[in-house]
N, C-alpha and C. Protein backbone atom coordinates (compact mmCIF):
# COMPACT_ATOMS: atom_id res chain seq x y z
N MET A 1 0.93 -1.64 12.01
CA MET A 1 0.27 -2.51 11.39
C MET A 1 -1.56 -2.17 10.86
N LYS A 2 -1.56 -2.50 9.89
CA LYS A 2 -2.49 -2.43 8.78
C LYS A 2 -3.61 -3.77 8.75
N SER A 3 -5.12 -3.27 8.74
CA SER A 3 -5.93 -4.09 8.54
C SER A 3 -6.24 -4.24 6.89
N VAL A 4 -6.23 -5.31 6.33
CA VAL A 4 -6.75 -5.13 4.89
C VAL A 4 -7.08 -6.39 4.59
N LEU A 5 -8.47 -5.85 3.72
CA LEU A 5 -9.23 -6.93 2.87
C LEU A 5 -9.01 -7.36 1.69
N LEU A 6 -8.32 -8.44 1.49
CA LEU A 6 -8.22 -9.07 0.31
C LEU A 6 -8.76 -9.74 -0.64
N ILE A 7 -9.47 -9.40 -1.63
CA ILE A 7 -10.32 -10.04 -2.45
C ILE A 7 -9.77 -10.89 -3.65
N GLY A 8 -10.01 -11.93 -3.70
CA GLY A 8 -9.15 -12.84 -4.88
C GLY A 8 -7.84 -13.16 -4.56
N MET A 9 -7.97 -14.56 -4.49
CA MET A 9 -6.31 -15.30 -4.26
C MET A 9 -5.84 -16.06 -5.06
N GLY A 10 -5.68 -15.18 -6.49
CA GLY A 10 -5.07 -16.05 -7.55
C GLY A 10 -3.21 -15.44 -6.99
N SER A 11 -2.37 -15.47 -7.92
CA SER A 11 -0.82 -15.65 -7.61
C SER A 11 -0.66 -14.31 -7.56
N PHE A 12 -1.35 -12.92 -7.68
CA PHE A 12 -0.98 -11.95 -7.52
C PHE A 12 -1.33 -11.72 -5.92
N GLY A 13 -2.82 -12.27 -5.74
CA GLY A 13 -3.49 -11.83 -4.26
C GLY A 13 -2.68 -12.71 -3.31
N GLN A 14 -1.88 -14.03 -3.65
CA GLN A 14 -0.97 -14.58 -2.70
C GLN A 14 -0.21 -13.84 -2.47
N THR A 15 0.90 -13.29 -3.47
CA THR A 15 2.00 -12.65 -3.38
C THR A 15 2.06 -11.23 -2.23
N LEU A 16 1.04 -10.65 -2.47
CA LEU A 16 0.33 -10.04 -1.70
C LEU A 16 0.00 -9.98 -0.42
N GLY A 17 -0.67 -11.22 -0.09
CA GLY A 17 -1.12 -11.64 1.01
C GLY A 17 0.22 -12.00 2.04
N GLU A 18 0.94 -12.70 1.36
CA GLU A 18 2.17 -13.13 2.00
C GLU A 18 3.22 -11.97 2.50
N LYS A 19 3.06 -11.04 1.88
CA LYS A 19 4.01 -10.20 2.21
C LYS A 19 3.64 -9.16 3.37
N LEU A 20 1.91 -8.83 3.06
CA LEU A 20 1.48 -8.16 4.00
C LEU A 20 1.31 -8.93 5.47
N ILE A 21 1.25 -9.95 5.46
CA ILE A 21 1.34 -11.12 6.61
C ILE A 21 2.89 -10.96 7.24
N ASN A 22 4.13 -11.07 6.69
CA ASN A 22 5.14 -10.77 6.95
C ASN A 22 5.63 -9.89 7.49
N MET A 23 4.65 -8.55 7.10
CA MET A 23 4.91 -7.19 7.92
C MET A 23 3.94 -6.96 8.86
N GLY A 24 3.67 -7.94 9.38
CA GLY A 24 2.62 -7.67 10.83
C GLY A 24 1.17 -7.45 10.91
N ASP A 25 0.76 -7.48 9.24
CA ASP A 25 -0.40 -6.66 9.04
C ASP A 25 -1.78 -7.81 9.32
N GLU A 26 -2.74 -7.69 9.64
CA GLU A 26 -4.10 -8.42 9.61
C GLU A 26 -4.82 -8.42 8.42
N VAL A 27 -4.78 -9.70 7.79
CA VAL A 27 -5.48 -9.89 6.46
C VAL A 27 -6.52 -10.77 6.77
N MET A 28 -7.49 -10.22 5.88
CA MET A 28 -8.73 -11.02 5.86
C MET A 28 -9.03 -11.28 4.13
N ILE A 29 -8.59 -12.59 4.16
CA ILE A 29 -8.93 -13.31 2.57
C ILE A 29 -10.12 -13.90 2.00
N VAL A 30 -10.52 -13.30 1.30
CA VAL A 30 -12.20 -13.66 0.56
C VAL A 30 -11.82 -14.25 -0.82
N ASP A 31 -12.04 -15.71 -1.14
CA ASP A 31 -12.35 -15.99 -2.52
C ASP A 31 -13.49 -17.20 -2.82
N ARG A 32 -14.24 -17.20 -3.93
CA ARG A 32 -15.15 -18.06 -3.99
C ARG A 32 -14.79 -19.64 -4.30
N ASN A 33 -13.25 -19.26 -4.45
CA ASN A 33 -13.02 -21.45 -4.42
C ASN A 33 -12.52 -21.73 -3.00
N GLU A 34 -13.66 -22.73 -2.58
CA GLU A 34 -13.21 -23.18 -1.72
C GLU A 34 -11.85 -23.93 -1.13
N ASP A 35 -11.29 -24.62 -2.41
CA ASP A 35 -10.21 -25.37 -2.23
C ASP A 35 -9.16 -24.47 -1.86
N VAL A 36 -9.22 -23.19 -2.46
CA VAL A 36 -8.17 -22.08 -2.42
C VAL A 36 -8.37 -21.45 -0.95
N ILE A 37 -9.31 -21.15 -0.40
CA ILE A 37 -9.45 -20.91 0.91
C ILE A 37 -9.23 -21.78 2.13
N ASN A 38 -9.37 -23.13 1.95
CA ASN A 38 -8.96 -23.84 2.98
C ASN A 38 -7.44 -24.18 2.74
N ARG A 39 -6.91 -24.12 1.83
CA ARG A 39 -5.29 -24.28 2.02
C ARG A 39 -4.90 -23.01 2.69
N LEU A 40 -5.33 -21.66 2.24
CA LEU A 40 -4.63 -20.74 2.51
C LEU A 40 -4.87 -20.00 3.95
N ALA A 41 -6.25 -20.60 4.18
CA ALA A 41 -6.68 -20.21 5.70
C ALA A 41 -5.67 -20.17 6.83
N PRO A 42 -4.72 -21.00 6.98
CA PRO A 42 -4.21 -20.84 8.38
C PRO A 42 -3.10 -20.06 8.04
N LYS A 43 -2.58 -19.55 7.25
CA LYS A 43 -1.88 -18.25 7.21
C LYS A 43 -2.16 -17.13 7.67
N TYR A 44 -3.48 -16.65 7.48
CA TYR A 44 -4.33 -15.62 7.75
C TYR A 44 -4.80 -15.31 8.87
N THR A 45 -5.21 -13.95 9.31
CA THR A 45 -5.97 -13.48 10.08
C THR A 45 -7.46 -14.08 10.11
N SER A 46 -7.69 -14.09 9.05
CA SER A 46 -8.96 -14.71 8.74
C SER A 46 -9.42 -14.99 7.25
N ALA A 47 -10.51 -15.79 7.35
CA ALA A 47 -10.67 -16.01 5.81
C ALA A 47 -11.95 -16.54 5.51
N LEU A 48 -12.53 -16.22 4.11
CA LEU A 48 -13.94 -16.39 4.08
C LEU A 48 -14.24 -17.01 2.45
N ILE A 49 -15.16 -18.03 2.34
CA ILE A 49 -15.43 -18.38 1.17
C ILE A 49 -16.38 -17.87 0.43
N ALA A 50 -16.57 -16.87 -0.21
CA ALA A 50 -17.70 -15.90 -0.83
C ALA A 50 -17.55 -15.62 -2.11
N ASN A 51 -18.93 -15.37 -2.71
CA ASN A 51 -18.40 -14.49 -3.74
C ASN A 51 -19.01 -12.83 -3.99
N CYS A 52 -17.92 -12.18 -3.83
CA CYS A 52 -18.41 -10.78 -3.41
C CYS A 52 -19.23 -10.12 -4.43
N MET A 53 -19.37 -10.66 -5.43
CA MET A 53 -20.43 -9.90 -6.49
C MET A 53 -21.67 -9.74 -5.73
N ASN A 54 -21.91 -10.53 -4.73
CA ASN A 54 -23.33 -10.51 -3.23
C ASN A 54 -22.75 -9.45 -2.70
N VAL A 55 -23.39 -8.55 -2.88
CA VAL A 55 -23.58 -7.30 -1.96
C VAL A 55 -23.48 -7.89 -0.61
N ASP A 56 -24.90 -8.62 -0.11
CA ASP A 56 -24.82 -8.97 1.20
C ASP A 56 -23.47 -9.43 1.81
N SER A 57 -22.77 -10.19 0.80
CA SER A 57 -21.39 -10.79 1.47
C SER A 57 -20.74 -9.90 1.71
N LEU A 58 -20.41 -8.73 1.12
CA LEU A 58 -19.58 -7.58 1.54
C LEU A 58 -19.89 -7.07 2.78
N LYS A 59 -21.21 -7.00 2.78
CA LYS A 59 -22.25 -5.98 3.92
C LYS A 59 -21.39 -6.81 5.01
N ALA A 60 -21.53 -7.85 5.38
CA ALA A 60 -21.11 -9.21 6.58
C ALA A 60 -19.71 -8.90 6.82
N LEU A 61 -19.06 -8.21 6.12
CA LEU A 61 -17.42 -7.83 6.17
C LEU A 61 -17.32 -6.71 7.25
N ASP A 62 -18.18 -5.94 7.50
CA ASP A 62 -17.56 -4.42 8.26
C ASP A 62 -16.51 -4.16 7.43
N ILE A 63 -16.91 -3.49 6.27
CA ILE A 63 -16.09 -2.79 4.97
C ILE A 63 -15.24 -1.46 5.66
N PRO A 64 -16.06 -0.77 6.36
CA PRO A 64 -15.25 0.68 6.88
C PRO A 64 -14.15 0.59 8.04
N SER A 65 -14.30 -1.16 8.60
CA SER A 65 -13.37 -1.39 9.61
C SER A 65 -11.78 -1.53 8.77
N TYR A 66 -11.83 -1.69 8.18
CA TYR A 66 -10.58 -2.17 6.97
C TYR A 66 -9.73 -0.80 6.50
N ASP A 67 -8.61 -0.49 6.75
CA ASP A 67 -7.66 0.09 6.40
C ASP A 67 -7.41 0.54 4.93
N ALA A 68 -7.48 -0.60 4.15
CA ALA A 68 -7.64 -0.47 2.68
C ALA A 68 -8.25 -1.96 2.37
N CYS A 69 -8.85 -2.16 1.52
CA CYS A 69 -9.56 -2.94 0.47
C CYS A 69 -8.98 -3.28 -0.91
N VAL A 70 -8.28 -4.52 -1.09
CA VAL A 70 -7.62 -4.82 -2.50
C VAL A 70 -8.64 -5.67 -3.31
N VAL A 71 -8.85 -5.34 -4.24
CA VAL A 71 -9.96 -6.14 -5.29
C VAL A 71 -8.75 -6.77 -6.36
N ALA A 72 -7.94 -7.96 -6.17
CA ALA A 72 -7.09 -8.60 -6.83
C ALA A 72 -7.48 -9.65 -7.91
N ILE A 73 -8.93 -9.31 -8.26
CA ILE A 73 -9.41 -10.58 -9.43
C ILE A 73 -8.90 -10.28 -10.60
N GLY A 74 -8.35 -11.02 -11.17
CA GLY A 74 -7.53 -11.20 -12.40
C GLY A 74 -8.54 -11.85 -13.67
N ASP A 75 -9.49 -12.54 -13.56
CA ASP A 75 -9.73 -13.22 -14.67
C ASP A 75 -11.19 -12.65 -14.93
N ASP A 76 -12.02 -11.80 -14.20
CA ASP A 76 -13.22 -11.15 -14.17
C ASP A 76 -13.31 -9.72 -14.03
N PHE A 77 -13.10 -9.16 -15.15
CA PHE A 77 -13.37 -8.05 -15.03
C PHE A 77 -14.62 -6.96 -14.65
N GLN A 78 -15.43 -7.58 -14.92
CA GLN A 78 -17.04 -7.18 -14.61
C GLN A 78 -16.95 -7.27 -13.36
N SER A 79 -16.59 -8.26 -12.38
CA SER A 79 -16.56 -8.51 -10.74
C SER A 79 -15.85 -7.56 -10.34
N SER A 80 -14.48 -7.40 -10.83
CA SER A 80 -13.79 -6.07 -10.33
C SER A 80 -14.35 -4.68 -10.47
N LEU A 81 -15.09 -4.55 -11.28
CA LEU A 81 -15.76 -3.38 -11.48
C LEU A 81 -17.02 -3.13 -10.53
N GLU A 82 -17.56 -4.03 -10.80
CA GLU A 82 -18.68 -4.47 -9.21
C GLU A 82 -18.41 -4.18 -7.94
N ILE A 83 -17.62 -5.04 -7.86
CA ILE A 83 -16.78 -5.01 -6.51
C ILE A 83 -16.23 -3.60 -5.70
N THR A 84 -15.82 -3.44 -6.79
CA THR A 84 -15.07 -1.93 -6.69
C THR A 84 -15.95 -1.07 -6.34
N SER A 85 -17.06 -0.67 -6.95
CA SER A 85 -18.27 0.30 -6.99
C SER A 85 -18.73 -0.17 -5.36
N ASN A 86 -19.17 -1.52 -5.23
CA ASN A 86 -19.98 -1.69 -4.01
C ASN A 86 -19.01 -1.73 -2.82
N LEU A 87 -17.58 -1.51 -2.99
CA LEU A 87 -16.41 -1.37 -1.70
C LEU A 87 -17.17 -0.07 -1.38
N LYS A 88 -16.99 0.95 -2.43
CA LYS A 88 -17.28 2.54 -2.06
C LYS A 88 -18.58 3.03 -1.58
N ASP A 89 -19.53 2.45 -1.85
CA ASP A 89 -20.83 2.39 -1.52
C ASP A 89 -20.98 2.20 -0.21
N LEU A 90 -20.10 0.93 0.29
CA LEU A 90 -20.28 0.49 1.45
C LEU A 90 -19.35 1.06 2.69
N GLY A 91 -18.44 2.20 2.12
CA GLY A 91 -17.66 3.06 3.29
C GLY A 91 -16.60 2.78 3.16
N ALA A 92 -15.94 1.84 2.09
CA ALA A 92 -14.54 1.53 2.08
C ALA A 92 -13.57 3.20 2.29
N LYS A 93 -12.21 2.70 3.25
CA LYS A 93 -11.55 3.88 3.35
C LYS A 93 -10.78 4.27 2.22
N TYR A 94 -9.87 3.09 2.09
CA TYR A 94 -9.12 3.19 0.56
C TYR A 94 -9.32 2.02 -0.14
N VAL A 95 -9.42 1.90 -1.43
CA VAL A 95 -9.78 0.79 -2.44
C VAL A 95 -8.89 0.76 -3.63
N VAL A 96 -7.76 -0.50 -3.70
CA VAL A 96 -6.87 -0.58 -4.76
C VAL A 96 -7.59 -1.81 -5.38
N SER A 97 -7.42 -1.50 -6.88
CA SER A 97 -8.00 -2.58 -7.78
C SER A 97 -6.95 -2.70 -8.94
N LYS A 98 -7.04 -3.69 -9.49
CA LYS A 98 -6.22 -4.74 -10.30
C LYS A 98 -6.60 -4.60 -11.62
N ALA A 99 -5.73 -4.09 -12.54
CA ALA A 99 -6.13 -3.67 -13.99
C ALA A 99 -5.21 -4.24 -14.95
N SER A 100 -5.84 -4.37 -16.31
CA SER A 100 -4.61 -5.46 -17.09
C SER A 100 -4.41 -4.46 -18.21
N THR A 101 -5.32 -3.68 -18.56
CA THR A 101 -5.18 -2.56 -19.74
C THR A 101 -5.23 -0.82 -19.36
N GLU A 102 -5.21 -0.15 -19.83
CA GLU A 102 -5.54 1.51 -19.76
C GLU A 102 -6.90 1.76 -19.64
N ILE A 103 -7.75 1.09 -20.33
CA ILE A 103 -9.24 1.34 -20.29
C ILE A 103 -9.78 0.59 -19.41
N GLN A 104 -9.21 -0.48 -18.76
CA GLN A 104 -9.58 -1.31 -17.02
C GLN A 104 -9.44 -0.07 -16.51
N ARG A 105 -8.25 0.70 -16.63
CA ARG A 105 -7.60 1.41 -15.39
C ARG A 105 -9.05 2.34 -15.49
N LYS A 106 -8.97 2.86 -16.24
CA LYS A 106 -10.08 4.32 -16.45
C LYS A 106 -11.70 4.07 -16.04
N PHE A 107 -11.91 3.04 -16.43
CA PHE A 107 -13.32 2.01 -15.59
C PHE A 107 -13.36 2.14 -14.27
N LEU A 108 -12.25 1.55 -13.72
CA LEU A 108 -12.24 1.45 -12.76
C LEU A 108 -12.07 2.53 -11.27
N PHE A 109 -11.34 3.56 -12.25
CA PHE A 109 -11.17 5.18 -11.21
C PHE A 109 -12.96 5.43 -11.03
N ARG A 110 -13.23 5.33 -12.39
CA ARG A 110 -14.97 5.94 -12.55
C ARG A 110 -15.44 5.23 -11.53
N MET A 111 -15.14 4.18 -11.01
CA MET A 111 -16.51 2.88 -10.42
C MET A 111 -15.62 3.53 -8.70
N GLY A 112 -14.74 4.20 -8.71
CA GLY A 112 -14.02 4.68 -7.39
C GLY A 112 -13.15 4.02 -6.90
N ALA A 113 -12.44 3.41 -7.50
CA ALA A 113 -10.89 3.18 -6.85
C ALA A 113 -10.26 4.04 -6.73
N ASP A 114 -9.31 4.14 -5.60
CA ASP A 114 -8.73 5.06 -5.01
C ASP A 114 -7.25 4.74 -5.70
N GLU A 115 -6.94 3.59 -6.50
CA GLU A 115 -5.71 3.66 -6.98
C GLU A 115 -5.91 2.22 -7.51
N VAL A 116 -5.36 2.51 -8.84
CA VAL A 116 -5.33 1.21 -10.10
C VAL A 116 -4.21 0.80 -10.22
N ILE A 117 -3.72 -0.95 -9.93
CA ILE A 117 -2.13 -1.21 -10.60
C ILE A 117 -2.14 -1.75 -11.54
N TYR A 118 -1.32 -2.02 -12.37
CA TYR A 118 -0.78 -2.98 -13.45
C TYR A 118 -0.14 -4.22 -12.75
N LEU A 119 -0.37 -5.15 -13.26
CA LEU A 119 0.05 -6.38 -12.79
C LEU A 119 1.55 -6.68 -13.29
N VAL A 120 2.99 -6.45 -12.69
CA VAL A 120 4.12 -6.48 -13.23
C VAL A 120 4.42 -7.35 -12.08
N SER A 121 5.86 -7.57 -12.45
CA SER A 121 6.67 -8.69 -11.36
C SER A 121 6.66 -8.29 -9.84
N ASP A 122 7.00 -7.02 -9.61
CA ASP A 122 6.98 -6.82 -8.38
C ASP A 122 5.91 -5.92 -7.35
N MET A 123 4.96 -5.96 -8.58
CA MET A 123 4.01 -4.81 -8.00
C MET A 123 3.14 -5.23 -6.76
N ALA A 124 2.84 -6.31 -6.47
CA ALA A 124 2.56 -7.21 -5.08
C ALA A 124 3.28 -6.29 -4.30
N GLU A 125 5.02 -6.74 -4.04
CA GLU A 125 5.23 -6.51 -2.74
C GLU A 125 5.49 -4.63 -2.82
N LYS A 126 5.34 -3.71 -3.98
CA LYS A 126 5.20 -2.54 -3.42
C LYS A 126 4.15 -2.06 -3.08
N LEU A 127 3.01 -2.99 -3.67
CA LEU A 127 1.68 -2.37 -2.92
C LEU A 127 1.87 -2.47 -1.55
N ALA A 128 2.03 -3.60 -1.17
CA ALA A 128 2.43 -4.03 0.76
C ALA A 128 3.29 -3.21 1.27
N ILE A 129 4.01 -2.52 0.62
CA ILE A 129 5.08 -1.23 1.29
C ILE A 129 4.26 -0.10 1.11
N ARG A 130 3.41 0.45 0.10
CA ARG A 130 2.71 1.47 0.10
C ARG A 130 1.46 1.24 1.21
N LEU A 131 0.85 0.38 1.40
CA LEU A 131 -0.09 -0.07 1.85
C LEU A 131 0.19 0.43 3.37
N ASN A 132 1.42 -0.16 3.72
CA ASN A 132 1.64 0.03 4.81
C ASN A 132 2.05 1.74 5.44
N SER A 133 2.50 2.48 4.60
CA SER A 133 2.52 3.65 4.79
C SER A 133 2.32 4.78 4.03
N ARG A 134 1.22 5.50 3.99
CA ARG A 134 0.50 6.07 2.94
C ARG A 134 1.76 7.09 2.39
N LYS A 135 2.71 7.54 3.69
CA LYS A 135 3.85 8.62 3.12
C LYS A 135 4.86 7.98 2.53
N VAL A 136 4.86 6.57 2.00
CA VAL A 136 5.82 6.18 1.11
C VAL A 136 5.34 6.57 -0.47
N PHE A 137 5.91 7.07 -1.25
CA PHE A 137 5.64 7.00 -2.62
C PHE A 137 6.48 6.08 -3.66
N ASP A 138 7.39 5.95 -3.43
CA ASP A 138 8.11 4.67 -4.20
C ASP A 138 9.22 4.43 -3.47
N TYR A 139 9.97 3.02 -4.18
CA TYR A 139 10.73 2.70 -3.32
C TYR A 139 11.78 1.42 -4.27
N ILE A 140 12.93 1.29 -4.11
CA ILE A 140 13.65 0.67 -4.94
C ILE A 140 14.29 -0.21 -3.90
N GLU A 141 14.02 -1.50 -4.15
CA GLU A 141 14.64 -3.02 -2.61
C GLU A 141 15.97 -2.79 -3.43
N LEU A 142 17.23 -2.67 -2.44
CA LEU A 142 18.57 -3.32 -2.71
C LEU A 142 18.87 -4.59 -2.17
N ASP A 143 18.02 -5.20 -1.20
CA ASP A 143 18.15 -6.29 -0.75
C ASP A 143 17.29 -6.53 0.13
N SER A 144 17.65 -7.60 0.88
CA SER A 144 16.18 -8.23 1.80
C SER A 144 16.34 -7.20 3.02
N GLU A 145 17.17 -6.52 3.39
CA GLU A 145 17.39 -5.68 4.44
C GLU A 145 17.43 -4.26 4.13
N TYR A 146 18.03 -3.62 2.99
CA TYR A 146 18.08 -2.43 2.72
C TYR A 146 17.17 -1.87 1.47
N ALA A 147 17.07 -0.53 1.27
CA ALA A 147 16.03 -0.08 0.34
C ALA A 147 16.40 1.59 0.13
N ILE A 148 15.90 2.06 -0.77
CA ILE A 148 15.76 3.47 -1.45
C ILE A 148 14.54 3.72 -0.87
N PHE A 149 14.00 5.19 -0.34
CA PHE A 149 12.84 5.54 -0.58
C PHE A 149 12.24 6.75 -0.99
N GLU A 150 11.01 7.02 -1.14
CA GLU A 150 10.92 8.45 -1.32
C GLU A 150 9.74 8.51 -0.43
N ILE A 151 9.73 9.18 0.57
CA ILE A 151 8.84 9.64 1.61
C ILE A 151 8.40 11.23 1.82
N ALA A 152 7.62 11.35 2.33
CA ALA A 152 7.07 12.75 2.65
C ALA A 152 7.79 13.46 3.83
N VAL A 153 8.19 14.38 4.05
CA VAL A 153 8.80 14.84 5.01
C VAL A 153 7.56 15.20 5.86
N PRO A 154 8.24 14.79 7.17
CA PRO A 154 7.41 14.94 8.29
C PRO A 154 6.87 16.96 8.91
N VAL A 155 5.75 16.73 8.89
CA VAL A 155 5.22 18.30 9.34
C VAL A 155 5.94 18.86 10.25
N LYS A 156 6.46 18.20 11.32
CA LYS A 156 7.02 19.12 12.24
C LYS A 156 8.66 19.06 11.77
N TRP A 157 8.90 18.61 11.00
CA TRP A 157 10.43 19.22 10.25
C TRP A 157 10.46 20.04 9.56
N GLU A 158 9.08 20.53 8.77
CA GLU A 158 9.23 22.02 8.32
C GLU A 158 9.70 23.47 8.68
N GLY A 159 10.73 23.94 8.06
CA GLY A 159 11.06 25.35 8.55
C GLY A 159 12.53 25.07 9.20
N LYS A 160 13.22 23.71 9.34
CA LYS A 160 13.99 23.25 10.05
C LYS A 160 15.00 22.62 9.15
N LYS A 161 16.18 22.89 9.68
CA LYS A 161 17.55 22.52 9.05
C LYS A 161 18.08 20.99 9.16
N LEU A 162 18.47 20.64 7.96
CA LEU A 162 18.79 19.11 8.17
C LEU A 162 20.10 18.63 9.33
N VAL A 163 20.63 19.55 9.35
CA VAL A 163 21.73 19.59 10.27
C VAL A 163 21.01 19.25 11.85
N ASP A 164 20.01 20.20 12.14
CA ASP A 164 19.59 20.27 13.16
C ASP A 164 18.45 19.06 13.63
N ILE A 165 18.03 18.45 12.90
CA ILE A 165 17.05 17.36 12.59
C ILE A 165 17.74 15.85 12.60
N ASN A 166 18.87 15.87 12.27
CA ASN A 166 20.23 14.78 12.29
C ASN A 166 19.27 13.30 11.73
N PRO A 167 18.59 13.22 10.84
CA PRO A 167 18.02 11.97 10.88
C PRO A 167 19.01 10.86 10.72
N ARG A 168 20.00 10.91 9.81
CA ARG A 168 21.02 9.33 10.12
C ARG A 168 21.25 9.27 11.79
N GLY A 169 21.43 10.16 12.44
CA GLY A 169 21.99 10.13 13.79
C GLY A 169 20.41 9.69 14.88
N LYS A 170 19.78 10.30 14.60
CA LYS A 170 18.38 9.94 15.35
C LYS A 170 17.65 8.93 14.94
N HIS A 171 17.47 8.63 13.49
CA HIS A 171 16.46 7.78 13.04
C HIS A 171 17.32 6.35 11.92
N GLY A 172 18.67 6.80 11.74
CA GLY A 172 19.20 5.76 10.80
C GLY A 172 18.87 5.99 9.22
N ILE A 173 18.23 7.23 8.93
CA ILE A 173 18.12 7.59 7.82
C ILE A 173 18.84 8.48 7.00
N ASN A 174 19.58 7.89 5.78
CA ASN A 174 20.30 8.68 5.11
C ASN A 174 19.67 9.56 4.05
N VAL A 175 19.57 11.05 4.13
CA VAL A 175 18.70 11.92 2.67
C VAL A 175 19.94 11.76 1.89
N LEU A 176 19.27 11.45 0.60
CA LEU A 176 19.80 11.50 -0.22
C LEU A 176 19.65 12.78 -1.00
N THR A 177 18.63 13.08 -1.23
CA THR A 177 18.09 14.16 -1.93
C THR A 177 16.92 14.36 -1.90
N VAL A 178 16.48 16.30 -2.40
CA VAL A 178 14.86 16.63 -1.82
C VAL A 178 14.24 16.69 -3.10
N LYS A 179 13.00 15.98 -3.22
CA LYS A 179 12.19 16.56 -4.45
C LYS A 179 11.34 17.67 -3.76
N LYS A 180 11.02 19.13 -4.38
CA LYS A 180 10.33 20.03 -4.39
C LYS A 180 9.65 20.03 -5.44
N GLU A 181 8.23 19.98 -5.61
CA GLU A 181 7.31 19.99 -6.55
C GLU A 181 7.84 19.89 -8.16
N ARG A 182 8.21 18.03 -7.59
CA ARG A 182 8.66 17.32 -8.60
C ARG A 182 9.97 17.47 -8.83
N LYS A 183 10.67 18.78 -8.54
CA LYS A 183 11.93 18.79 -8.95
C LYS A 183 13.16 18.51 -8.01
N ILE A 184 14.20 17.59 -8.45
CA ILE A 184 15.27 17.48 -7.81
C ILE A 184 16.34 18.39 -7.11
N MET A 185 16.15 18.84 -5.50
CA MET A 185 17.03 20.15 -5.07
C MET A 185 18.46 19.62 -4.63
N PRO A 186 19.32 20.41 -4.68
CA PRO A 186 20.62 20.11 -4.10
C PRO A 186 20.43 20.27 -2.64
N VAL A 187 21.04 19.48 -1.64
CA VAL A 187 20.72 19.18 -0.28
C VAL A 187 22.19 19.23 0.23
N ASP A 188 22.42 20.19 1.48
CA ASP A 188 23.42 20.23 2.05
C ASP A 188 22.98 20.27 3.59
N ALA A 189 23.88 20.36 4.62
CA ALA A 189 23.59 20.16 6.10
C ALA A 189 22.42 21.53 6.50
N ASN A 190 22.63 22.91 5.66
CA ASN A 190 21.93 23.93 6.14
C ASN A 190 20.66 23.72 5.30
N TYR A 191 20.19 22.82 4.51
CA TYR A 191 18.87 22.75 3.93
C TYR A 191 17.91 22.94 4.41
N VAL A 192 16.42 23.43 4.41
CA VAL A 192 15.98 24.06 5.17
C VAL A 192 14.39 23.21 4.45
N PHE A 193 13.82 22.14 5.16
CA PHE A 193 12.98 21.62 4.69
C PHE A 193 11.38 22.31 4.54
N GLY A 194 10.89 22.24 3.79
CA GLY A 194 9.40 23.04 3.16
C GLY A 194 8.21 22.11 3.05
N SER A 195 7.19 22.81 3.20
CA SER A 195 6.23 21.98 3.20
C SER A 195 5.71 21.44 1.68
N GLY A 196 5.37 20.25 2.19
CA GLY A 196 5.19 19.48 0.83
C GLY A 196 6.62 18.59 0.19
N ASP A 197 7.47 18.74 1.00
CA ASP A 197 9.14 18.36 0.16
C ASP A 197 8.60 16.87 0.44
N HIS A 198 9.60 16.13 -0.62
CA HIS A 198 9.40 14.60 -0.59
C HIS A 198 11.05 14.70 -0.44
N MET A 199 11.44 13.52 0.88
CA MET A 199 13.01 13.10 0.89
C MET A 199 13.03 11.92 0.28
N VAL A 200 14.58 11.77 -0.73
CA VAL A 200 14.68 10.39 -1.12
C VAL A 200 15.76 9.95 -0.26
N VAL A 201 15.47 9.04 0.48
CA VAL A 201 16.30 8.21 1.78
C VAL A 201 16.77 6.96 1.37
N PHE A 202 17.90 6.50 2.00
CA PHE A 202 18.72 5.08 2.14
C PHE A 202 18.54 4.77 3.34
N GLY A 203 18.26 3.33 3.50
CA GLY A 203 18.39 2.87 4.85
C GLY A 203 17.70 1.51 5.01
N ASN A 204 17.39 1.22 6.43
CA ASN A 204 16.90 -0.24 6.66
C ASN A 204 15.49 -0.18 6.32
N THR A 205 15.33 -1.18 5.79
CA THR A 205 13.85 -1.09 5.40
C THR A 205 12.78 -1.04 6.66
N GLU A 206 13.01 -1.99 7.18
CA GLU A 206 12.01 -1.80 8.79
C GLU A 206 12.02 -0.31 9.09
N LYS A 207 13.43 0.09 9.54
CA LYS A 207 13.57 1.22 10.22
C LYS A 207 12.78 2.68 9.57
N ILE A 208 12.76 2.76 8.13
CA ILE A 208 12.35 3.38 7.22
C ILE A 208 10.91 3.43 7.55
N LEU A 209 10.19 2.14 7.25
CA LEU A 209 8.64 2.00 7.44
C LEU A 209 8.40 2.54 8.83
N ALA A 210 9.06 2.23 10.17
CA ALA A 210 8.40 2.60 11.10
C ALA A 210 8.67 3.77 11.42
N PHE A 211 9.22 4.61 10.66
CA PHE A 211 9.49 6.12 10.76
C PHE A 211 8.43 7.03 10.43
N THR A 212 8.05 6.08 8.92
CA THR A 212 6.86 6.70 8.50
C THR A 212 5.49 6.93 8.79
N ASN A 213 5.53 5.60 9.75
CA ASN A 213 4.22 4.95 10.38
C ASN A 213 4.26 6.03 11.40
N LYS A 214 5.43 6.27 12.02
CA LYS A 214 5.22 6.95 13.35
C LYS A 214 5.10 8.51 13.39
N ASN A 215 5.61 8.96 11.94
CA ASN A 215 5.65 10.62 11.68
C ASN A 215 4.58 10.46 10.73
N LYS A 216 3.33 10.94 10.81
CA LYS A 216 2.19 11.16 9.98
C LYS A 216 2.52 12.54 9.42
């Protein structure tokens, strides 16, 4: 379970928020539109009507207490820039901001964003997955229950053979291949995991996320 501060409840913010809530996360939503907050508040852990351009409003939210802060404002890039910068100044652990162009992306990184995303149809869902486990680098949803993930190899697996670890039998995870320094490696039962390896795995989405959150 993660704690997420979600600023901006347009279509993207709502899609992301609903996905995070469905995954069991604690989500604080903030928007300056009173009607939007009043309508959405019952779904979320907490909600606030506020203009986050006001630094005092951000200070009142105890920014360092959140695992991640998402700036999902889509219609005011200047606000996105200033809020991103203020979040980092106030001690935010991880800030994700939304951009519409490459120039916006560059400016948001300069303002301190840890991650900048482009708004595409499935980006909110993918972001929700990544926020729940920093060990997930990519994933492809196959249906409502199963997906293919690229995840980090647990440190405790390093130097051990695939056959000895038995991910399928112990964790329900099928290792399809391994990426080492961005190169795809052939994998058999005797493959020895190394430092920095990524696994491309197939399995039940909930089981894989539980595995990545347990095995840091």
